[in-house]
Amino acid sequence: MEKTTKKQKIRFRIRKKISGETQKPRLSVFRSNSDIYAQLIDDNNGKTLAAASSRDKDIAAQKGNKTEKSKLVGGAIARKAGELGLKNCVFDRGGNLYHGRIKALADGAREGGLQF
């Protein structure tokens, strides 16, 4: 089986089990080779409530490797969630292993005050 097809099947399997509501949105993570993106999504209304990425100006200007920038993205999404009055979310790793940059983003979000 092709790598992308395999990952897509994993993503669908995860998405069957979890979904985000207005008070407990889904924290969706997308990881490319160079960057990482995080979104808080309300699946009931089909709306993105907040987003952060390693391409944001304040994070891209920081020195450090990709894992350190992922932790900053986690902190940024937690800060934006706090401004919206959100404390809880459901973590969607997007078919990636909970390891490395994905784990760093989750740790940064937890340190910022998000609970999942």
C-alpha atoms as a PDB file:
ATOM      1  CA  MET A   1       0.000   0.000   0.000  1.00  0.00           C
ATOM      2  CA  GLU A   2       1.231   3.478  -0.833  1.00  0.00           C
ATOM      3  CA  LYS A   3       2.389   5.677   2.060  1.00  0.00           C
ATOM      4  CA  THR A   4      -0.153   8.450   1.462  1.00  0.00           C
ATOM      5  CA  THR A   5      -3.025   5.977   1.141  1.00  0.00           C
ATOM      6  CA  LYS A   6      -1.998   4.331   4.397  1.00  0.00           C
ATOM      7  CA  LYS A   7      -1.872   7.666   6.210  1.00  0.00           C
ATOM      8  CA  GLN A   8      -5.275   8.665   4.777  1.00  0.00           C
ATOM      9  CA  LYS A   9      -6.842   5.464   6.124  1.00  0.00           C
ATOM     10  CA  ILE A  10      -5.386   6.207   9.568  1.00  0.00           C
ATOM     11  CA  ARG A  11      -6.791   9.751   9.426  1.00  0.00           C
ATOM     12  CA  PHE A  12     -10.274   8.487   8.536  1.00  0.00           C
ATOM     13  CA  ARG A  13     -10.121   5.926  11.364  1.00  0.00           C
ATOM     14  CA  ILE A  14      -9.240   8.680  13.860  1.00  0.00           C
ATOM     15  CA  ARG A  15     -11.930  11.050  12.522  1.00  0.00           C
ATOM     16  CA  LYS A  16     -14.635   8.382  12.945  1.00  0.00           C
ATOM     17  CA  LYS A  17     -13.983   8.383  16.683  1.00  0.00           C
ATOM     18  CA  ILE A  18     -13.545  12.098  17.433  1.00  0.00           C
ATOM     19  CA  SER A  19     -15.267  15.335  16.502  1.00  0.00           C
ATOM     20  CA  GLY A  20     -15.264  18.850  17.875  1.00  0.00           C
ATOM     21  CA  GLU A  21     -18.121  20.860  19.326  1.00  0.00           C
ATOM     22  CA  THR A  22     -18.376  24.574  20.022  1.00  0.00           C
ATOM     23  CA  GLN A  23     -17.314  24.225  23.670  1.00  0.00           C
ATOM     24  CA  LYS A  24     -14.812  21.402  23.013  1.00  0.00           C
ATOM     25  CA  PRO A  25     -13.322  21.911  19.526  1.00  0.00           C
ATOM     26  CA  ARG A  26     -10.994  19.561  17.683  1.00  0.00           C
ATOM     27  CA  LEU A  27      -7.310  20.556  17.697  1.00  0.00           C
ATOM     28  CA  SER A  28      -6.276  19.401  14.239  1.00  0.00           C
ATOM     29  CA  VAL A  29      -2.562  19.177  13.380  1.00  0.00           C
ATOM     30  CA  PHE A  30      -1.016  19.119   9.912  1.00  0.00           C
ATOM     31  CA  ARG A  31       2.708  18.515   9.553  1.00  0.00           C
ATOM     32  CA  SER A  32       4.596  19.174   6.344  1.00  0.00           C
ATOM     33  CA  ASN A  33       8.310  18.592   5.849  1.00  0.00           C
ATOM     34  CA  SER A  34       9.192  22.166   6.772  1.00  0.00           C
ATOM     35  CA  ASP A  35       6.255  23.568   8.766  1.00  0.00           C
ATOM     36  CA  ILE A  36       3.482  22.619  11.195  1.00  0.00           C
ATOM     37  CA  TYR A  37      -0.073  23.951  11.339  1.00  0.00           C
ATOM     38  CA  ALA A  38      -2.716  23.726  14.089  1.00  0.00           C
ATOM     39  CA  GLN A  39      -6.421  24.606  13.944  1.00  0.00           C
ATOM     40  CA  LEU A  40      -9.258  24.592  16.448  1.00  0.00           C
ATOM     41  CA  ILE A  41     -12.275  23.319  14.505  1.00  0.00           C
ATOM     42  CA  ASP A  42     -15.979  23.234  15.408  1.00  0.00           C
ATOM     43  CA  ASP A  43     -17.199  20.254  13.364  1.00  0.00           C
ATOM     44  CA  ASN A  44     -20.888  20.847  14.125  1.00  0.00           C
ATOM     45  CA  ASN A  45     -20.856  24.213  12.326  1.00  0.00           C
ATOM     46  CA  GLY A  46     -17.914  23.459  10.035  1.00  0.00           C
ATOM     47  CA  LYS A  47     -15.947  26.496  11.219  1.00  0.00           C
ATOM     48  CA  THR A  48     -12.320  27.082  12.139  1.00  0.00           C
ATOM     49  CA  LEU A  49     -12.263  28.965  15.445  1.00  0.00           C
ATOM     50  CA  ALA A  50      -8.508  29.665  15.635  1.00  0.00           C
ATOM     51  CA  ALA A  51      -5.355  28.767  13.741  1.00  0.00           C
ATOM     52  CA  ALA A  52      -1.600  28.987  14.258  1.00  0.00           C
ATOM     53  CA  SER A  53       1.385  27.826  12.244  1.00  0.00           C
ATOM     54  CA  SER A  54       5.153  27.921  12.181  1.00  0.00           C
ATOM     55  CA  ARG A  55       4.856  30.360   9.265  1.00  0.00           C
ATOM     56  CA  ASP A  56       3.322  33.086  11.473  1.00  0.00           C
ATOM     57  CA  LYS A  57       5.668  36.071  11.608  1.00  0.00           C
ATOM     58  CA  ASP A  58       6.382  35.960  15.353  1.00  0.00           C
ATOM     59  CA  ILE A  59       7.162  32.210  15.303  1.00  0.00           C
ATOM     60  CA  ALA A  60       9.093  32.214  12.005  1.00  0.00           C
ATOM     61  CA  ALA A  61      11.346  34.982  13.384  1.00  0.00           C
ATOM     62  CA  GLN A  62      12.403  32.783  16.338  1.00  0.00           C
ATOM     63  CA  LYS A  63      15.642  30.853  16.265  1.00  0.00           C
ATOM     64  CA  GLY A  64      15.506  27.116  16.814  1.00  0.00           C
ATOM     65  CA  ASN A  65      14.811  23.806  15.150  1.00  0.00           C
ATOM     66  CA  LYS A  66      11.446  22.526  13.922  1.00  0.00           C
ATOM     67  CA  THR A  67      10.605  20.791  17.212  1.00  0.00           C
ATOM     68  CA  GLU A  68      11.136  23.999  19.219  1.00  0.00           C
ATOM     69  CA  LYS A  69       8.985  25.939  16.745  1.00  0.00           C
ATOM     70  CA  SER A  70       6.262  23.287  17.083  1.00  0.00           C
ATOM     71  CA  LYS A  71       6.172  23.932  20.823  1.00  0.00           C
ATOM     72  CA  LEU A  72       5.755  27.663  20.100  1.00  0.00           C
ATOM     73  CA  VAL A  73       2.847  26.874  17.742  1.00  0.00           C
ATOM     74  CA  GLY A  74       1.211  24.866  20.536  1.00  0.00           C
ATOM     75  CA  GLY A  75       1.572  27.818  22.888  1.00  0.00           C
ATOM     76  CA  ALA A  76       0.157  30.191  20.271  1.00  0.00           C
ATOM     77  CA  ILE A  77      -2.944  28.060  19.633  1.00  0.00           C
ATOM     78  CA  ALA A  78      -3.496  27.743  23.404  1.00  0.00           C
ATOM     79  CA  ARG A  79      -3.263  31.528  23.779  1.00  0.00           C
ATOM     80  CA  LYS A  80      -5.811  32.058  20.982  1.00  0.00           C
ATOM     81  CA  ALA A  81      -8.116  29.458  22.558  1.00  0.00           C
ATOM     82  CA  GLY A  82      -7.860  31.271  25.882  1.00  0.00           C
ATOM     83  CA  GLU A  83      -8.885  34.526  24.210  1.00  0.00           C
ATOM     84  CA  LEU A  84     -11.990  32.716  22.897  1.00  0.00           C
ATOM     85  CA  GLY A  85     -12.707  31.371  26.395  1.00  0.00           C
ATOM     86  CA  LEU A  86     -11.939  27.741  25.512  1.00  0.00           C
ATOM     87  CA  LYS A  87     -10.181  25.444  27.996  1.00  0.00           C
ATOM     88  CA  ASN A  88     -10.868  21.950  26.609  1.00  0.00           C
ATOM     89  CA  CYS A  89     -10.301  20.405  23.193  1.00  0.00           C
ATOM     90  CA  VAL A  90      -9.991  17.042  21.460  1.00  0.00           C
ATOM     91  CA  PHE A  91      -6.550  16.308  19.976  1.00  0.00           C
ATOM     92  CA  ASP A  92      -6.444  15.120  16.352  1.00  0.00           C
ATOM     93  CA  ARG A  93      -2.906  14.077  15.413  1.00  0.00           C
ATOM     94  CA  GLY A  94      -3.856  13.864  11.739  1.00  0.00           C
ATOM     95  CA  GLY A  95      -2.511  10.376  11.079  1.00  0.00           C
ATOM     96  CA  ASN A  96       0.947  11.220  12.426  1.00  0.00           C
ATOM     97  CA  LEU A  97       2.588   9.345  15.266  1.00  0.00           C
ATOM     98  CA  TYR A  98       2.372  11.057  18.654  1.00  0.00           C
ATOM     99  CA  HIS A  99       6.096  11.682  18.666  1.00  0.00           C
ATOM    100  CA  GLY A 100       8.573  14.444  17.886  1.00  0.00           C
ATOM    101  CA  ARG A 101       6.994  17.601  16.494  1.00  0.00           C
ATOM    102  CA  ILE A 102       3.409  16.438  17.130  1.00  0.00           C
ATOM    103  CA  LYS A 103       4.220  15.713  20.784  1.00  0.00           C
ATOM    104  CA  ALA A 104       6.043  19.053  21.112  1.00  0.00           C
ATOM    105  CA  LEU A 105       2.979  20.910  19.794  1.00  0.00           C
ATOM    106  CA  ALA A 106       0.722  19.052  22.237  1.00  0.00           C
ATOM    107  CA  ASP A 107       3.067  19.813  25.150  1.00  0.00           C
ATOM    108  CA  GLY A 108       3.163  23.491  24.202  1.00  0.00           C
ATOM    109  CA  ALA A 109      -0.639  23.619  24.058  1.00  0.00           C
ATOM    110  CA  ARG A 110      -0.909  21.937  27.479  1.00  0.00           C
ATOM    111  CA  GLU A 111       1.582  24.392  28.988  1.00  0.00           C
ATOM    112  CA  GLY A 112      -0.487  27.218  27.488  1.00  0.00           C
ATOM    113  CA  GLY A 113      -3.552  26.008  29.396  1.00  0.00           C
ATOM    114  CA  LEU A 114      -5.433  23.744  26.965  1.00  0.00           C
ATOM    115  CA  GLN A 115      -6.700  20.433  28.334  1.00  0.00           C
ATOM    116  CA  PHE A 116      -7.186  17.306  26.234  1.00  0.00           C
END
